[in-house]
N, C-alpha and C. Protein backbone atom coordinates (compact mmCIF):
# COMPACT_ATOMS: atom_id res chain seq x y z
N ASP A 1 -24.62 -39.75 96.17
CA ASP A 1 -23.59 -40.64 96.68
C ASP A 1 -24.12 -42.08 96.75
N ASN A 2 -24.45 -42.58 95.65
CA ASN A 2 -24.98 -43.94 95.60
C ASN A 2 -23.96 -44.95 95.06
N GLU A 3 -22.75 -44.46 94.79
CA GLU A 3 -21.68 -45.33 94.30
C GLU A 3 -22.05 -45.98 92.96
N PHE A 4 -22.73 -45.20 92.13
CA PHE A 4 -23.04 -45.70 90.79
C PHE A 4 -21.76 -45.73 89.96
N SER A 5 -21.65 -46.69 89.12
CA SER A 5 -20.50 -46.80 88.22
C SER A 5 -21.00 -47.07 86.80
N GLY A 6 -20.07 -46.98 85.89
CA GLY A 6 -20.45 -47.18 84.49
C GLY A 6 -20.74 -45.86 83.79
N GLU A 7 -21.37 -45.94 82.67
CA GLU A 7 -21.67 -44.74 81.87
C GLU A 7 -23.09 -44.27 82.13
N ILE A 8 -23.31 -42.98 81.89
CA ILE A 8 -24.65 -42.42 81.98
C ILE A 8 -25.46 -42.97 80.80
N PRO A 9 -26.59 -43.60 81.04
CA PRO A 9 -27.35 -44.20 79.94
C PRO A 9 -27.93 -43.15 79.00
N ALA A 10 -27.77 -43.38 77.69
CA ALA A 10 -28.31 -42.45 76.69
C ALA A 10 -29.82 -42.50 76.64
N ALA A 11 -30.43 -43.52 77.26
CA ALA A 11 -31.89 -43.63 77.25
C ALA A 11 -32.56 -42.51 78.02
N LEU A 12 -31.79 -41.82 78.87
CA LEU A 12 -32.37 -40.69 79.60
C LEU A 12 -32.86 -39.60 78.64
N ASP A 13 -32.33 -39.58 77.44
CA ASP A 13 -32.72 -38.56 76.47
C ASP A 13 -34.17 -38.71 76.05
N GLY A 14 -34.75 -39.88 76.25
CA GLY A 14 -36.13 -40.10 75.86
C GLY A 14 -37.14 -39.68 76.92
N LEU A 15 -36.68 -39.30 78.10
CA LEU A 15 -37.59 -38.89 79.18
C LEU A 15 -37.83 -37.39 79.06
N ALA A 16 -38.73 -37.03 78.18
CA ALA A 16 -38.93 -35.62 77.85
C ALA A 16 -39.43 -34.79 79.03
N GLU A 17 -40.10 -35.41 79.98
CA GLU A 17 -40.66 -34.67 81.11
C GLU A 17 -39.71 -34.59 82.30
N LEU A 18 -38.53 -35.16 82.16
CA LEU A 18 -37.56 -35.15 83.26
C LEU A 18 -37.07 -33.72 83.50
N ARG A 19 -37.09 -33.30 84.79
CA ARG A 19 -36.72 -31.93 85.12
C ARG A 19 -35.42 -31.85 85.93
N SER A 20 -35.00 -32.93 86.56
CA SER A 20 -33.82 -32.86 87.42
C SER A 20 -33.03 -34.16 87.31
N ILE A 21 -31.70 -34.01 87.18
CA ILE A 21 -30.77 -35.15 87.17
C ILE A 21 -29.63 -34.80 88.14
N ARG A 22 -29.50 -35.58 89.20
CA ARG A 22 -28.45 -35.38 90.19
C ARG A 22 -27.68 -36.70 90.33
N LEU A 23 -26.52 -36.74 89.73
CA LEU A 23 -25.67 -37.94 89.74
C LEU A 23 -24.30 -37.63 90.34
N ASP A 24 -24.19 -36.62 91.13
CA ASP A 24 -22.92 -36.22 91.71
C ASP A 24 -22.49 -37.21 92.80
N GLY A 25 -21.14 -37.29 93.01
CA GLY A 25 -20.57 -38.15 94.06
C GLY A 25 -20.65 -39.62 93.74
N ASN A 26 -20.54 -40.01 92.51
CA ASN A 26 -20.55 -41.43 92.14
C ASN A 26 -19.25 -41.79 91.41
N ARG A 27 -19.24 -42.94 90.80
CA ARG A 27 -18.05 -43.38 90.05
C ARG A 27 -18.40 -43.59 88.57
N LEU A 28 -19.18 -42.67 88.08
CA LEU A 28 -19.58 -42.74 86.67
C LEU A 28 -18.38 -42.41 85.78
N SER A 29 -18.30 -43.07 84.65
CA SER A 29 -17.20 -42.88 83.69
C SER A 29 -17.77 -42.71 82.29
N GLY A 30 -16.83 -42.46 81.38
CA GLY A 30 -17.25 -42.27 79.99
C GLY A 30 -17.68 -40.83 79.72
N SER A 31 -18.32 -40.63 78.59
CA SER A 31 -18.74 -39.28 78.18
C SER A 31 -20.19 -39.03 78.57
N ILE A 32 -20.56 -37.76 78.60
CA ILE A 32 -21.92 -37.37 78.92
C ILE A 32 -22.75 -37.41 77.64
N PRO A 33 -23.89 -38.09 77.64
CA PRO A 33 -24.74 -38.10 76.43
C PRO A 33 -25.32 -36.72 76.15
N SER A 34 -25.82 -36.55 74.94
CA SER A 34 -26.32 -35.24 74.51
C SER A 34 -27.47 -34.74 75.37
N LEU A 35 -28.46 -35.58 75.62
CA LEU A 35 -29.64 -35.23 76.42
C LEU A 35 -30.37 -34.01 75.87
N SER A 36 -30.27 -33.79 74.55
CA SER A 36 -30.93 -32.62 73.95
C SER A 36 -32.44 -32.75 73.92
N GLY A 37 -32.96 -33.95 74.17
CA GLY A 37 -34.41 -34.13 74.18
C GLY A 37 -35.07 -33.71 75.48
N LEU A 38 -34.28 -33.42 76.51
CA LEU A 38 -34.84 -33.03 77.81
C LEU A 38 -35.05 -31.52 77.85
N ARG A 39 -36.06 -31.06 77.15
CA ARG A 39 -36.30 -29.63 77.04
C ARG A 39 -36.75 -29.00 78.36
N ARG A 40 -37.26 -29.79 79.28
CA ARG A 40 -37.75 -29.26 80.55
C ARG A 40 -36.73 -29.43 81.69
N LEU A 41 -35.54 -29.86 81.35
CA LEU A 41 -34.52 -30.10 82.37
C LEU A 41 -34.10 -28.78 83.03
N GLU A 42 -34.18 -28.75 84.38
CA GLU A 42 -33.85 -27.53 85.12
C GLU A 42 -32.64 -27.71 86.03
N VAL A 43 -32.41 -28.92 86.51
CA VAL A 43 -31.29 -29.19 87.42
C VAL A 43 -30.46 -30.33 86.82
N PHE A 44 -29.12 -30.09 86.79
CA PHE A 44 -28.22 -31.13 86.25
C PHE A 44 -26.92 -31.02 87.03
N ASN A 45 -26.50 -32.15 87.63
CA ASN A 45 -25.27 -32.16 88.42
C ASN A 45 -24.62 -33.53 88.30
N VAL A 46 -23.41 -33.54 87.74
CA VAL A 46 -22.63 -34.79 87.60
C VAL A 46 -21.24 -34.59 88.20
N SER A 47 -21.09 -33.71 89.15
CA SER A 47 -19.79 -33.42 89.75
C SER A 47 -19.28 -34.63 90.54
N GLU A 48 -17.94 -34.63 90.75
CA GLU A 48 -17.26 -35.66 91.53
C GLU A 48 -17.50 -37.06 90.97
N ASN A 49 -17.21 -37.20 89.70
CA ASN A 49 -17.27 -38.51 89.04
C ASN A 49 -15.98 -38.71 88.24
N GLN A 50 -15.97 -39.64 87.36
CA GLN A 50 -14.79 -39.93 86.53
C GLN A 50 -15.13 -39.76 85.04
N LEU A 51 -15.96 -38.80 84.79
CA LEU A 51 -16.40 -38.55 83.42
C LEU A 51 -15.28 -37.88 82.62
N ASP A 52 -15.33 -38.06 81.28
CA ASP A 52 -14.33 -37.42 80.41
C ASP A 52 -15.00 -37.04 79.10
N GLY A 53 -14.25 -36.32 78.31
CA GLY A 53 -14.77 -35.90 77.01
C GLY A 53 -15.37 -34.50 77.05
N ALA A 54 -15.94 -34.10 75.93
CA ALA A 54 -16.50 -32.75 75.80
C ALA A 54 -17.90 -32.70 76.39
N ILE A 55 -18.21 -31.58 77.05
CA ILE A 55 -19.55 -31.36 77.59
C ILE A 55 -20.48 -31.02 76.44
N PRO A 56 -21.63 -31.69 76.32
CA PRO A 56 -22.56 -31.39 75.22
C PRO A 56 -23.01 -29.93 75.26
N ALA A 57 -23.24 -29.37 74.06
CA ALA A 57 -23.64 -27.96 73.96
C ALA A 57 -24.97 -27.70 74.66
N PHE A 58 -25.87 -28.69 74.67
CA PHE A 58 -27.17 -28.49 75.31
C PHE A 58 -27.03 -28.30 76.83
N LEU A 59 -25.99 -28.90 77.43
CA LEU A 59 -25.79 -28.82 78.88
C LEU A 59 -24.84 -27.72 79.29
N ALA A 60 -24.29 -26.99 78.33
CA ALA A 60 -23.33 -25.93 78.66
C ALA A 60 -24.00 -24.76 79.37
N ARG A 61 -25.32 -24.72 79.43
CA ARG A 61 -26.02 -23.62 80.10
C ARG A 61 -26.02 -23.77 81.63
N PHE A 62 -25.63 -24.94 82.11
CA PHE A 62 -25.57 -25.14 83.56
C PHE A 62 -24.23 -24.62 84.10
N PRO A 63 -24.16 -24.28 85.39
CA PRO A 63 -22.94 -23.68 85.96
C PRO A 63 -21.77 -24.67 85.98
N PRO A 64 -20.54 -24.16 86.09
CA PRO A 64 -19.36 -25.03 86.13
C PRO A 64 -19.37 -26.01 87.30
N GLU A 65 -20.02 -25.63 88.41
CA GLU A 65 -20.05 -26.53 89.57
C GLU A 65 -20.75 -27.85 89.26
N SER A 66 -21.62 -27.84 88.26
CA SER A 66 -22.33 -29.08 87.92
C SER A 66 -21.41 -30.12 87.31
N PHE A 67 -20.20 -29.71 86.90
CA PHE A 67 -19.27 -30.63 86.22
C PHE A 67 -17.93 -30.71 86.96
N ALA A 68 -17.81 -30.07 88.08
CA ALA A 68 -16.55 -30.05 88.84
C ALA A 68 -16.21 -31.45 89.33
N GLY A 69 -14.91 -31.68 89.54
CA GLY A 69 -14.46 -32.98 90.06
C GLY A 69 -14.35 -34.05 88.99
N ASN A 70 -14.39 -33.68 87.75
CA ASN A 70 -14.20 -34.62 86.63
C ASN A 70 -13.03 -34.11 85.79
N PRO A 71 -11.81 -34.56 86.12
CA PRO A 71 -10.63 -34.03 85.43
C PRO A 71 -10.65 -34.26 83.92
N GLY A 72 -11.38 -35.24 83.47
CA GLY A 72 -11.39 -35.55 82.04
C GLY A 72 -12.36 -34.74 81.21
N LEU A 73 -13.23 -33.96 81.87
CA LEU A 73 -14.20 -33.15 81.13
C LEU A 73 -13.55 -31.88 80.61
N CYS A 74 -14.05 -31.40 79.45
CA CYS A 74 -13.52 -30.17 78.85
C CYS A 74 -14.64 -29.44 78.13
N GLY A 75 -14.36 -28.19 77.80
CA GLY A 75 -15.34 -27.39 77.08
C GLY A 75 -16.19 -26.56 78.02
N GLU A 76 -17.02 -25.73 77.44
CA GLU A 76 -17.88 -24.87 78.27
C GLU A 76 -18.86 -25.72 79.07
N PRO A 77 -19.15 -25.23 80.29
CA PRO A 77 -18.79 -23.96 80.94
C PRO A 77 -17.47 -24.00 81.70
N LEU A 78 -16.67 -25.08 81.58
CA LEU A 78 -15.40 -25.17 82.27
C LEU A 78 -14.35 -24.30 81.58
N ASP A 79 -13.29 -24.04 82.29
CA ASP A 79 -12.20 -23.21 81.75
C ASP A 79 -11.19 -24.04 80.95
N SER A 80 -11.37 -25.33 80.90
CA SER A 80 -10.43 -26.18 80.16
C SER A 80 -10.98 -26.48 78.77
N PRO A 81 -10.39 -25.86 77.74
CA PRO A 81 -10.87 -26.13 76.38
C PRO A 81 -10.51 -27.54 75.93
N CYS A 82 -11.30 -28.06 75.04
CA CYS A 82 -11.04 -29.40 74.51
C CYS A 82 -9.92 -29.33 73.48
N PRO A 83 -9.02 -30.30 73.46
CA PRO A 83 -7.95 -30.32 72.45
C PRO A 83 -8.51 -30.56 71.06
N VAL A 84 -7.78 -30.04 70.07
CA VAL A 84 -8.20 -30.24 68.68
C VAL A 84 -8.01 -31.69 68.31
N SER A 85 -9.01 -32.27 67.71
CA SER A 85 -8.95 -33.68 67.34
C SER A 85 -7.92 -33.91 66.25
N SER A 86 -7.45 -35.13 66.17
CA SER A 86 -6.43 -35.47 65.17
C SER A 86 -6.99 -35.35 63.76
N ARG A 87 -8.27 -35.58 63.57
CA ARG A 87 -8.87 -35.45 62.24
C ARG A 87 -8.79 -34.03 61.74
N LYS A 88 -9.07 -33.09 62.61
CA LYS A 88 -9.03 -31.69 62.20
C LYS A 88 -7.61 -31.25 61.89
N LYS A 89 -6.62 -31.84 62.60
CA LYS A 89 -5.24 -31.48 62.33
C LYS A 89 -4.80 -31.97 60.95
N LYS A 90 -5.31 -33.11 60.56
CA LYS A 90 -4.89 -33.66 59.28
C LYS A 90 -5.35 -32.82 58.10
N GLY A 91 -6.44 -32.11 58.24
CA GLY A 91 -6.95 -31.29 57.15
C GLY A 91 -7.65 -32.15 56.11
N LEU A 92 -7.26 -31.98 54.88
CA LEU A 92 -7.90 -32.72 53.79
C LEU A 92 -7.54 -34.20 53.86
N SER A 93 -8.51 -35.01 53.54
CA SER A 93 -8.27 -36.45 53.52
C SER A 93 -7.54 -36.84 52.24
N GLY A 94 -7.10 -38.09 52.22
CA GLY A 94 -6.39 -38.57 51.03
C GLY A 94 -7.27 -38.58 49.80
N ALA A 95 -8.56 -38.92 49.99
CA ALA A 95 -9.47 -38.94 48.84
C ALA A 95 -9.68 -37.54 48.27
N ALA A 96 -9.78 -36.55 49.18
CA ALA A 96 -9.96 -35.17 48.70
C ALA A 96 -8.73 -34.69 47.94
N ILE A 97 -7.56 -35.02 48.46
CA ILE A 97 -6.32 -34.62 47.78
C ILE A 97 -6.22 -35.30 46.41
N ALA A 98 -6.58 -36.57 46.34
CA ALA A 98 -6.54 -37.28 45.06
C ALA A 98 -7.52 -36.68 44.06
N ALA A 99 -8.72 -36.31 44.54
CA ALA A 99 -9.70 -35.71 43.64
C ALA A 99 -9.21 -34.37 43.11
N ILE A 100 -8.58 -33.58 43.98
CA ILE A 100 -8.04 -32.29 43.53
C ILE A 100 -6.93 -32.50 42.50
N ALA A 101 -6.07 -33.49 42.74
CA ALA A 101 -4.98 -33.75 41.79
C ALA A 101 -5.52 -34.20 40.44
N VAL A 102 -6.53 -35.07 40.45
CA VAL A 102 -7.12 -35.53 39.18
C VAL A 102 -7.77 -34.38 38.43
N GLY A 103 -8.49 -33.52 39.16
CA GLY A 103 -9.11 -32.37 38.51
C GLY A 103 -8.09 -31.42 37.89
N ALA A 104 -6.99 -31.18 38.62
CA ALA A 104 -5.95 -30.31 38.08
C ALA A 104 -5.30 -30.91 36.84
N ALA A 105 -5.07 -32.23 36.87
CA ALA A 105 -4.47 -32.89 35.70
C ALA A 105 -5.41 -32.82 34.50
N ALA A 106 -6.70 -33.03 34.73
CA ALA A 106 -7.67 -32.96 33.63
C ALA A 106 -7.73 -31.55 33.04
N ALA A 107 -7.69 -30.53 33.90
CA ALA A 107 -7.71 -29.16 33.41
C ALA A 107 -6.46 -28.85 32.58
N ALA A 108 -5.30 -29.32 33.05
CA ALA A 108 -4.07 -29.10 32.30
C ALA A 108 -4.10 -29.80 30.94
N LEU A 109 -4.63 -31.03 30.91
CA LEU A 109 -4.73 -31.76 29.64
C LEU A 109 -5.67 -31.06 28.67
N LEU A 110 -6.79 -30.56 29.18
CA LEU A 110 -7.73 -29.84 28.33
C LEU A 110 -7.10 -28.58 27.75
N ALA A 111 -6.35 -27.86 28.58
CA ALA A 111 -5.68 -26.66 28.09
C ALA A 111 -4.66 -27.01 27.01
N LEU A 112 -3.93 -28.11 27.18
CA LEU A 112 -2.95 -28.53 26.17
C LEU A 112 -3.63 -28.89 24.86
N VAL A 113 -4.75 -29.59 24.93
CA VAL A 113 -5.48 -29.95 23.71
C VAL A 113 -5.96 -28.71 22.97
N LEU A 114 -6.46 -27.73 23.71
CA LEU A 114 -6.92 -26.49 23.08
C LEU A 114 -5.77 -25.76 22.39
N LEU A 115 -4.61 -25.74 23.04
CA LEU A 115 -3.45 -25.08 22.42
C LEU A 115 -3.04 -25.79 21.13
N VAL A 116 -3.04 -27.12 21.14
CA VAL A 116 -2.68 -27.87 19.93
C VAL A 116 -3.67 -27.61 18.81
N LEU A 117 -4.95 -27.57 19.12
CA LEU A 117 -5.97 -27.30 18.10
C LEU A 117 -5.80 -25.91 17.51
N CYS A 118 -5.51 -24.93 18.35
CA CYS A 118 -5.30 -23.57 17.84
C CYS A 118 -4.08 -23.52 16.92
N PHE A 119 -3.00 -24.23 17.29
CA PHE A 119 -1.80 -24.24 16.47
C PHE A 119 -2.06 -24.89 15.11
N VAL A 120 -2.76 -26.02 15.12
CA VAL A 120 -3.07 -26.72 13.86
C VAL A 120 -3.95 -25.85 12.98
N ARG A 121 -4.90 -25.17 13.56
CA ARG A 121 -5.80 -24.33 12.76
C ARG A 121 -5.03 -23.17 12.12
N ARG A 122 -4.11 -22.58 12.87
CA ARG A 122 -3.31 -21.49 12.29
C ARG A 122 -2.44 -21.98 11.15
N ARG A 123 -1.84 -23.16 11.30
CA ARG A 123 -1.02 -23.71 10.23
C ARG A 123 -1.87 -23.98 8.99
N ARG A 124 -3.08 -24.49 9.19
CA ARG A 124 -3.96 -24.79 8.06
C ARG A 124 -4.38 -23.51 7.33
N ASP A 125 -4.70 -22.46 8.10
CA ASP A 125 -5.08 -21.19 7.47
C ASP A 125 -3.91 -20.60 6.70
N ALA A 126 -2.70 -20.70 7.27
CA ALA A 126 -1.53 -20.17 6.58
C ALA A 126 -1.27 -20.92 5.28
N ALA A 127 -1.44 -22.26 5.31
CA ALA A 127 -1.24 -23.04 4.09
C ALA A 127 -2.26 -22.70 3.03
N ALA A 128 -3.51 -22.49 3.44
CA ALA A 128 -4.55 -22.13 2.47
C ALA A 128 -4.27 -20.77 1.86
N THR A 129 -3.79 -19.82 2.64
CA THR A 129 -3.44 -18.51 2.11
C THR A 129 -2.30 -18.60 1.11
N GLY A 130 -1.29 -19.44 1.40
CA GLY A 130 -0.19 -19.62 0.47
C GLY A 130 -0.62 -20.23 -0.85
N ASP A 131 -1.54 -21.19 -0.80
CA ASP A 131 -2.04 -21.80 -2.04
C ASP A 131 -2.79 -20.79 -2.89
N ASN A 132 -3.57 -19.94 -2.28
CA ASN A 132 -4.31 -18.92 -3.04
C ASN A 132 -3.35 -17.95 -3.71
N ASN A 133 -2.30 -17.54 -2.99
CA ASN A 133 -1.32 -16.63 -3.59
C ASN A 133 -0.59 -17.30 -4.75
N GLY A 134 -0.28 -18.60 -4.62
CA GLY A 134 0.39 -19.30 -5.71
C GLY A 134 -0.47 -19.42 -6.94
N ASN A 135 -1.75 -19.65 -6.76
CA ASN A 135 -2.66 -19.74 -7.91
C ASN A 135 -2.76 -18.41 -8.64
N LYS A 136 -2.77 -17.31 -7.91
CA LYS A 136 -2.82 -16.00 -8.55
C LYS A 136 -1.54 -15.70 -9.32
N ALA A 137 -0.39 -16.14 -8.76
CA ALA A 137 0.88 -15.85 -9.41
C ALA A 137 1.08 -16.65 -10.68
N THR A 138 0.48 -17.83 -10.78
CA THR A 138 0.65 -18.69 -11.96
C THR A 138 -0.51 -18.59 -12.93
N SER A 139 -1.19 -17.47 -12.98
CA SER A 139 -2.29 -17.29 -13.93
C SER A 139 -1.74 -17.11 -15.34
N THR A 140 -2.57 -17.19 -16.38
CA THR A 140 -2.17 -17.13 -17.79
C THR A 140 -1.54 -15.78 -18.10
N PRO A 141 -0.32 -15.75 -18.71
CA PRO A 141 0.33 -14.46 -18.99
C PRO A 141 -0.50 -13.58 -19.91
N THR A 142 -1.15 -14.14 -20.88
CA THR A 142 -1.93 -13.30 -21.79
C THR A 142 -3.06 -12.61 -21.07
N GLN A 143 -3.61 -13.25 -20.08
CA GLN A 143 -4.68 -12.62 -19.33
C GLN A 143 -4.13 -11.55 -18.42
N ASP A 144 -2.91 -11.78 -17.80
CA ASP A 144 -2.34 -10.78 -16.92
C ASP A 144 -1.96 -9.52 -17.69
N ARG A 145 -1.48 -9.66 -18.91
CA ARG A 145 -1.04 -8.50 -19.68
C ARG A 145 -2.16 -7.82 -20.43
N GLY A 146 -3.35 -8.35 -20.34
CA GLY A 146 -4.48 -7.72 -21.01
C GLY A 146 -4.64 -8.13 -22.45
N PHE A 147 -3.92 -9.17 -22.93
CA PHE A 147 -4.07 -9.61 -24.31
C PHE A 147 -5.33 -10.42 -24.45
N THR A 148 -5.96 -10.31 -25.56
CA THR A 148 -7.15 -11.09 -25.88
C THR A 148 -6.91 -11.84 -27.16
N PRO A 149 -7.42 -13.05 -27.25
CA PRO A 149 -7.21 -13.82 -28.48
C PRO A 149 -7.86 -13.16 -29.67
N SER A 150 -7.25 -13.36 -30.83
CA SER A 150 -7.75 -12.73 -32.06
C SER A 150 -9.08 -13.34 -32.47
N PRO A 151 -10.05 -12.51 -32.86
CA PRO A 151 -11.33 -13.07 -33.32
C PRO A 151 -11.26 -13.72 -34.68
N VAL A 152 -10.13 -13.57 -35.36
CA VAL A 152 -10.01 -14.12 -36.72
C VAL A 152 -9.01 -15.26 -36.69
N SER A 153 -9.16 -16.13 -35.69
CA SER A 153 -8.21 -17.23 -35.57
C SER A 153 -8.24 -18.12 -36.79
N GLY A 154 -9.43 -18.25 -37.39
CA GLY A 154 -9.52 -19.08 -38.60
C GLY A 154 -8.70 -18.51 -39.72
N GLU A 155 -8.74 -17.17 -39.92
CA GLU A 155 -7.96 -16.54 -40.98
C GLU A 155 -6.48 -16.64 -40.70
N MET A 156 -6.10 -16.53 -39.42
CA MET A 156 -4.69 -16.65 -39.10
C MET A 156 -4.20 -18.06 -39.40
N THR A 157 -5.05 -19.05 -39.16
CA THR A 157 -4.66 -20.42 -39.48
C THR A 157 -4.48 -20.61 -40.97
N ASP A 158 -5.40 -20.02 -41.79
CA ASP A 158 -5.25 -20.13 -43.24
C ASP A 158 -3.98 -19.47 -43.70
N LEU A 159 -3.67 -18.32 -43.07
CA LEU A 159 -2.46 -17.61 -43.48
C LEU A 159 -1.23 -18.42 -43.13
N ALA A 160 -1.27 -19.06 -41.97
CA ALA A 160 -0.12 -19.89 -41.61
C ALA A 160 0.05 -21.04 -42.57
N ASP A 161 -1.08 -21.63 -42.98
CA ASP A 161 -0.98 -22.71 -43.96
C ASP A 161 -0.43 -22.21 -45.28
N LEU A 162 -0.82 -20.99 -45.65
CA LEU A 162 -0.35 -20.45 -46.92
C LEU A 162 1.13 -20.13 -46.88
N THR A 163 1.57 -19.58 -45.74
CA THR A 163 2.98 -19.21 -45.66
C THR A 163 3.88 -20.42 -45.67
N SER A 164 3.33 -21.56 -45.26
CA SER A 164 4.16 -22.76 -45.27
C SER A 164 3.96 -23.60 -46.52
N SER A 165 3.12 -23.16 -47.46
CA SER A 165 2.85 -23.95 -48.67
C SER A 165 3.92 -23.72 -49.72
N LYS A 166 3.93 -24.60 -50.70
CA LYS A 166 4.92 -24.49 -51.77
C LYS A 166 4.57 -23.40 -52.76
N ASP A 167 3.34 -22.87 -52.66
CA ASP A 167 2.96 -21.81 -53.60
C ASP A 167 3.74 -20.55 -53.33
N LEU A 168 4.07 -20.28 -52.03
CA LEU A 168 4.78 -19.04 -51.71
C LEU A 168 6.28 -19.21 -51.80
N VAL A 169 6.78 -20.38 -51.45
CA VAL A 169 8.23 -20.60 -51.48
C VAL A 169 8.49 -21.75 -52.44
N PRO A 170 8.85 -21.50 -53.67
CA PRO A 170 9.10 -22.58 -54.64
C PRO A 170 10.39 -23.28 -54.33
N SER A 171 10.42 -24.52 -54.72
CA SER A 171 11.65 -25.29 -54.52
C SER A 171 12.63 -24.98 -55.62
N ALA A 172 13.85 -25.43 -55.42
CA ALA A 172 14.91 -25.15 -56.40
C ALA A 172 14.60 -25.82 -57.73
N GLY A 173 14.81 -25.11 -58.82
CA GLY A 173 14.60 -25.66 -60.15
C GLY A 173 13.22 -25.41 -60.70
N GLU A 174 12.30 -24.96 -59.87
CA GLU A 174 10.95 -24.71 -60.36
C GLU A 174 10.82 -23.27 -60.79
N THR A 175 9.98 -23.08 -61.81
CA THR A 175 9.74 -21.72 -62.31
C THR A 175 8.81 -21.00 -61.36
N THR A 176 9.23 -19.82 -60.97
CA THR A 176 8.45 -19.05 -60.01
C THR A 176 7.26 -18.44 -60.69
N THR A 177 6.09 -18.76 -60.19
CA THR A 177 4.85 -18.19 -60.71
C THR A 177 4.24 -17.31 -59.66
N ARG A 178 4.13 -16.05 -59.94
CA ARG A 178 3.59 -15.12 -58.95
C ARG A 178 2.07 -15.18 -59.00
N ARG A 179 1.51 -15.51 -57.87
CA ARG A 179 0.06 -15.64 -57.77
C ARG A 179 -0.41 -14.81 -56.59
N LEU A 180 -1.60 -14.28 -56.79
CA LEU A 180 -2.25 -13.54 -55.70
C LEU A 180 -3.20 -14.47 -54.96
N VAL A 181 -3.08 -14.49 -53.67
CA VAL A 181 -3.90 -15.37 -52.83
C VAL A 181 -4.77 -14.51 -51.95
N PHE A 182 -6.08 -14.74 -51.98
CA PHE A 182 -7.05 -14.00 -51.15
C PHE A 182 -7.29 -14.79 -49.86
N VAL A 183 -7.00 -14.15 -48.76
CA VAL A 183 -7.13 -14.78 -47.44
C VAL A 183 -8.52 -14.51 -46.91
N GLY A 184 -9.10 -15.49 -46.22
CA GLY A 184 -10.41 -15.31 -45.61
C GLY A 184 -11.52 -15.85 -46.43
N ALA A 185 -11.24 -16.49 -47.55
CA ALA A 185 -12.29 -17.03 -48.41
C ALA A 185 -12.66 -18.45 -48.02
N GLY A 186 -12.14 -18.92 -46.91
CA GLY A 186 -12.46 -20.29 -46.50
C GLY A 186 -11.27 -21.19 -46.70
N ALA A 187 -11.49 -22.45 -46.41
CA ALA A 187 -10.39 -23.41 -46.52
C ALA A 187 -9.91 -23.56 -47.94
N GLY A 188 -10.79 -23.46 -48.93
CA GLY A 188 -10.37 -23.57 -50.34
C GLY A 188 -10.32 -22.21 -50.99
N GLY A 189 -9.54 -21.26 -50.48
CA GLY A 189 -9.52 -19.87 -50.95
C GLY A 189 -9.21 -19.73 -52.43
N TYR A 190 -9.41 -18.50 -52.94
CA TYR A 190 -9.21 -18.21 -54.38
C TYR A 190 -7.79 -17.72 -54.61
N SER A 191 -7.21 -18.13 -55.79
CA SER A 191 -5.88 -17.65 -56.19
C SER A 191 -5.89 -17.34 -57.69
N PHE A 192 -5.23 -16.28 -58.07
CA PHE A 192 -5.16 -15.82 -59.48
C PHE A 192 -3.71 -15.54 -59.84
N ASP A 193 -3.34 -15.94 -61.08
CA ASP A 193 -1.99 -15.58 -61.53
C ASP A 193 -2.05 -14.28 -62.33
N LEU A 194 -0.91 -13.82 -62.84
CA LEU A 194 -0.82 -12.53 -63.52
C LEU A 194 -1.59 -12.54 -64.84
N GLU A 195 -1.58 -13.65 -65.56
CA GLU A 195 -2.30 -13.72 -66.83
C GLU A 195 -3.80 -13.57 -66.63
N ASP A 196 -4.32 -14.18 -65.57
CA ASP A 196 -5.75 -14.04 -65.30
C ASP A 196 -6.11 -12.60 -65.02
N LEU A 197 -5.29 -11.91 -64.26
CA LEU A 197 -5.57 -10.51 -63.93
C LEU A 197 -5.50 -9.63 -65.18
N LEU A 198 -4.50 -9.87 -66.07
CA LEU A 198 -4.39 -9.05 -67.28
C LEU A 198 -5.55 -9.30 -68.22
N ARG A 199 -5.96 -10.56 -68.32
CA ARG A 199 -7.09 -10.88 -69.18
C ARG A 199 -8.36 -10.22 -68.68
N ALA A 200 -8.54 -10.25 -67.36
CA ALA A 200 -9.73 -9.62 -66.79
C ALA A 200 -9.69 -8.12 -67.00
N SER A 201 -8.51 -7.52 -66.88
CA SER A 201 -8.41 -6.08 -67.09
C SER A 201 -8.71 -5.71 -68.53
N ALA A 202 -8.22 -6.54 -69.48
CA ALA A 202 -8.48 -6.26 -70.89
C ALA A 202 -9.95 -6.36 -71.20
N GLU A 203 -10.62 -7.32 -70.61
CA GLU A 203 -12.05 -7.46 -70.86
C GLU A 203 -12.81 -6.29 -70.31
N VAL A 204 -12.40 -5.81 -69.14
CA VAL A 204 -13.09 -4.65 -68.55
C VAL A 204 -12.86 -3.41 -69.40
N LEU A 205 -11.64 -3.22 -69.87
CA LEU A 205 -11.36 -2.05 -70.69
C LEU A 205 -12.07 -2.14 -72.04
N GLY A 206 -12.21 -3.35 -72.59
CA GLY A 206 -12.87 -3.51 -73.89
C GLY A 206 -14.35 -3.23 -73.84
N LYS A 207 -14.94 -3.37 -72.68
CA LYS A 207 -16.37 -3.11 -72.52
C LYS A 207 -16.55 -1.69 -72.04
N GLY A 208 -16.83 -0.82 -72.89
CA GLY A 208 -17.04 0.58 -72.51
C GLY A 208 -18.46 0.99 -72.78
N SER A 209 -18.65 2.29 -72.69
CA SER A 209 -20.00 2.81 -72.94
C SER A 209 -20.36 2.72 -74.41
N ALA A 210 -19.28 2.62 -75.28
CA ALA A 210 -19.56 2.56 -76.71
C ALA A 210 -19.72 1.14 -77.20
N GLY A 211 -19.51 0.19 -76.29
CA GLY A 211 -19.66 -1.20 -76.72
C GLY A 211 -18.38 -1.94 -76.56
N THR A 212 -18.37 -3.15 -77.00
CA THR A 212 -17.19 -3.99 -76.82
C THR A 212 -16.27 -3.79 -78.00
N THR A 213 -14.94 -3.68 -77.69
CA THR A 213 -13.95 -3.51 -78.74
C THR A 213 -13.22 -4.80 -78.98
C-alpha cells in the first residue's frame, strides 16, 4: 500500500536473483511484463491495482489471489479468458490472399499452355500421317502393278522408228518394195530386198558337195 502508480517497469526482468515481488494495493496500470528472467521468483502479488491485459504465461503458476482486484486482467490463472484479438479474427492478410490468387492464376495459365501444346502436337502428327498416306497412294502405277521396264528398250526404240519410217508404209504413187528389216542390229540395222535373198539362195544351192554349178 505505497500508492504506487504507473506501469510495472520491465527492468525487473533483469534482476535474476529476485525472489519476491509484492505490489498489491497500489494504483499500478498497464500490462504486466513477462518477467521470464526471474527464475528464482517465489512470491508474486499484484492484486488490487488497475492492471489490464493478459497475464504472462511465466506468472500463470501463481494463485488467482495474486491477480485479484484487477478487472482488466484476463487469462490463467483467472477464470476470465482473454478475448480473441482482431488480427486472429481477420485470418489471412491481404498480402497472403494476393499471393494465393497469383499462384492460382499462374497454375491455371500453365495448365492452359500445356493443353495448347498437346493440341498442336496432335494436329501436327495427324498432318504428317496424312502426308505419308498421300505419298503412298500416288506412287508409280507400273510399280504398284508389278510391271518392270523392258530390258530391250533400245530395240523397242528402233522398232518404233522403223514402224514410223517410209520403208514400211509407202506413200501414194510409189512402188512398194518388200524388204526384210533385222531389228536389234544397232542404229544402222541391216535390210534386204527379195532379189538379194533369191540371189543368196541361188548361190548357196549352186555350191554343193560336187562343186559350183
